Amino acid sequence: MDINDSETESAGGIEPASDLSEIAAECAASNLLDFAAQLAGLAEDLKALSSKPIEPIPTLAEPEDQPESGSSGITLKIEPSRQ
């Protein structure tokens, strides 16, 4: 008896290939069920998001587009920095 035989006996013997195939099939089915559950959750999230109206994101308007709020007459012009 060599070392590999004793390790196999202590591990409970070699399982037949049909048992391993069944185990692999059960694992695959379990993974598919988990994946399907995640997809269902995403579908619910998308459904909830689709019921909400899309609101525009406010952007900074150019100074000439903004109404004047005071009588100071000071205009600030911001230019991009040059590096």
C-alpha atoms as a PDB file:
ATOM      1  CA  MET A   1       0.000   0.000   0.000  1.00  0.00           C
ATOM      2  CA  ASP A   2       1.410   3.394  -0.948  1.00  0.00           C
ATOM      3  CA  ILE A   3       0.680   6.833   0.505  1.00  0.00           C
ATOM      4  CA  ASN A   4      -2.020   7.693  -2.059  1.00  0.00           C
ATOM      5  CA  ASP A   5      -4.022   4.564  -1.181  1.00  0.00           C
ATOM      6  CA  SER A   6      -3.996   5.371   2.540  1.00  0.00           C
ATOM      7  CA  GLU A   7      -5.089   8.964   1.891  1.00  0.00           C
ATOM      8  CA  THR A   8      -7.932   7.715  -0.265  1.00  0.00           C
ATOM      9  CA  GLU A   9      -9.097   5.258   2.394  1.00  0.00           C
ATOM     10  CA  SER A  10      -8.982   7.892   5.133  1.00  0.00           C
ATOM     11  CA  ALA A  11     -10.967  10.281   2.940  1.00  0.00           C
ATOM     12  CA  GLY A  12     -13.763   7.760   2.600  1.00  0.00           C
ATOM     13  CA  GLY A  13     -12.792   6.175  -0.706  1.00  0.00           C
ATOM     14  CA  ILE A  14     -13.160   7.314  -4.250  1.00  0.00           C
ATOM     15  CA  GLU A  15     -16.656   8.428  -5.212  1.00  0.00           C
ATOM     16  CA  PRO A  16     -17.999   7.038  -8.478  1.00  0.00           C
ATOM     17  CA  ALA A  17     -18.139   9.453 -11.388  1.00  0.00           C
ATOM     18  CA  SER A  18     -21.948   9.338 -11.399  1.00  0.00           C
ATOM     19  CA  ASP A  19     -22.030  10.696  -7.826  1.00  0.00           C
ATOM     20  CA  LEU A  20     -19.639  13.482  -8.777  1.00  0.00           C
ATOM     21  CA  SER A  21     -21.805  14.302 -11.777  1.00  0.00           C
ATOM     22  CA  GLU A  22     -24.850  14.534  -9.522  1.00  0.00           C
ATOM     23  CA  ILE A  23     -23.000  16.802  -7.101  1.00  0.00           C
ATOM     24  CA  ALA A  24     -21.830  19.011  -9.972  1.00  0.00           C
ATOM     25  CA  ALA A  25     -25.367  19.189 -11.352  1.00  0.00           C
ATOM     26  CA  GLU A  26     -26.752  20.152  -7.924  1.00  0.00           C
ATOM     27  CA  CYS A  27     -24.110  22.874  -7.540  1.00  0.00           C
ATOM     28  CA  ALA A  28     -24.853  24.210 -11.014  1.00  0.00           C
ATOM     29  CA  ALA A  29     -28.586  24.224 -10.305  1.00  0.00           C
ATOM     30  CA  SER A  30     -28.009  26.041  -7.022  1.00  0.00           C
ATOM     31  CA  ASN A  31     -25.815  28.629  -8.749  1.00  0.00           C
ATOM     32  CA  LEU A  32     -28.447  29.134 -11.444  1.00  0.00           C
ATOM     33  CA  LEU A  33     -31.145  29.630  -8.821  1.00  0.00           C
ATOM     34  CA  ASP A  34     -28.994  32.226  -7.044  1.00  0.00           C
ATOM     35  CA  PHE A  35     -28.345  33.992 -10.342  1.00  0.00           C
ATOM     36  CA  ALA A  36     -32.049  33.957 -11.219  1.00  0.00           C
ATOM     37  CA  ALA A  37     -32.868  35.469  -7.824  1.00  0.00           C
ATOM     38  CA  GLN A  38     -30.335  38.249  -8.425  1.00  0.00           C
ATOM     39  CA  LEU A  39     -31.820  38.936 -11.854  1.00  0.00           C
ATOM     40  CA  ALA A  40     -35.303  39.098 -10.357  1.00  0.00           C
ATOM     41  CA  GLY A  41     -34.057  41.631  -7.808  1.00  0.00           C
ATOM     42  CA  LEU A  42     -32.498  43.729 -10.547  1.00  0.00           C
ATOM     43  CA  ALA A  43     -35.729  43.574 -12.541  1.00  0.00           C
ATOM     44  CA  GLU A  44     -37.639  44.880  -9.516  1.00  0.00           C
ATOM     45  CA  ASP A  45     -35.113  47.701  -9.099  1.00  0.00           C
ATOM     46  CA  LEU A  46     -35.440  48.647 -12.770  1.00  0.00           C
ATOM     47  CA  LYS A  47     -39.214  48.552 -12.512  1.00  0.00           C
ATOM     48  CA  ALA A  48     -39.096  50.922  -9.519  1.00  0.00           C
ATOM     49  CA  LEU A  49     -36.676  53.246 -11.308  1.00  0.00           C
ATOM     50  CA  SER A  50     -38.756  53.311 -14.477  1.00  0.00           C
ATOM     51  CA  SER A  51     -41.756  54.612 -12.561  1.00  0.00           C
ATOM     52  CA  LYS A  52     -39.828  57.704 -11.423  1.00  0.00           C
ATOM     53  CA  PRO A  53     -39.604  60.696 -13.758  1.00  0.00           C
ATOM     54  CA  ILE A  54     -36.191  61.692 -14.997  1.00  0.00           C
ATOM     55  CA  GLU A  55     -35.242  65.066 -13.592  1.00  0.00           C
ATOM     56  CA  PRO A  56     -32.627  67.187 -15.342  1.00  0.00           C
ATOM     57  CA  ILE A  57     -29.451  67.871 -13.438  1.00  0.00           C
ATOM     58  CA  PRO A  58     -29.071  71.615 -12.867  1.00  0.00           C
ATOM     59  CA  THR A  59     -25.965  73.025 -14.484  1.00  0.00           C
ATOM     60  CA  LEU A  60     -24.188  76.307 -13.931  1.00  0.00           C
ATOM     61  CA  ALA A  61     -25.419  78.881 -16.417  1.00  0.00           C
ATOM     62  CA  GLU A  62     -23.135  81.355 -18.092  1.00  0.00           C
ATOM     63  CA  PRO A  63     -23.024  84.777 -16.364  1.00  0.00           C
ATOM     64  CA  GLU A  64     -24.874  86.478 -19.232  1.00  0.00           C
ATOM     65  CA  ASP A  65     -27.716  83.943 -18.908  1.00  0.00           C
ATOM     66  CA  GLN A  66     -28.274  84.683 -15.229  1.00  0.00           C
ATOM     67  CA  PRO A  67     -30.606  87.482 -14.208  1.00  0.00           C
ATOM     68  CA  GLU A  68     -28.942  90.315 -12.392  1.00  0.00           C
ATOM     69  CA  SER A  69     -29.626  90.091  -8.690  1.00  0.00           C
ATOM     70  CA  GLY A  70     -28.004  93.320  -7.558  1.00  0.00           C
ATOM     71  CA  SER A  71     -27.041  96.774  -8.661  1.00  0.00           C
ATOM     72  CA  SER A  72     -23.292  96.396  -8.092  1.00  0.00           C
ATOM     73  CA  GLY A  73     -22.553  95.839 -11.780  1.00  0.00           C
ATOM     74  CA  ILE A  74     -19.596  93.551 -10.989  1.00  0.00           C
ATOM     75  CA  THR A  75     -19.185  90.665 -13.403  1.00  0.00           C
ATOM     76  CA  LEU A  76     -16.868  87.774 -12.631  1.00  0.00           C
ATOM     77  CA  LYS A  77     -15.403  85.800 -15.477  1.00  0.00           C
ATOM     78  CA  ILE A  78     -13.830  82.443 -14.642  1.00  0.00           C
ATOM     79  CA  GLU A  79     -11.333  81.067 -17.118  1.00  0.00           C
ATOM     80  CA  PRO A  80      -9.835  77.581 -17.060  1.00  0.00           C
ATOM     81  CA  SER A  81      -6.344  77.380 -15.640  1.00  0.00           C
ATOM     82  CA  ARG A  82      -3.490  76.559 -17.970  1.00  0.00           C
ATOM     83  CA  GLN A  83      -0.900  74.132 -16.733  1.00  0.00           C
END
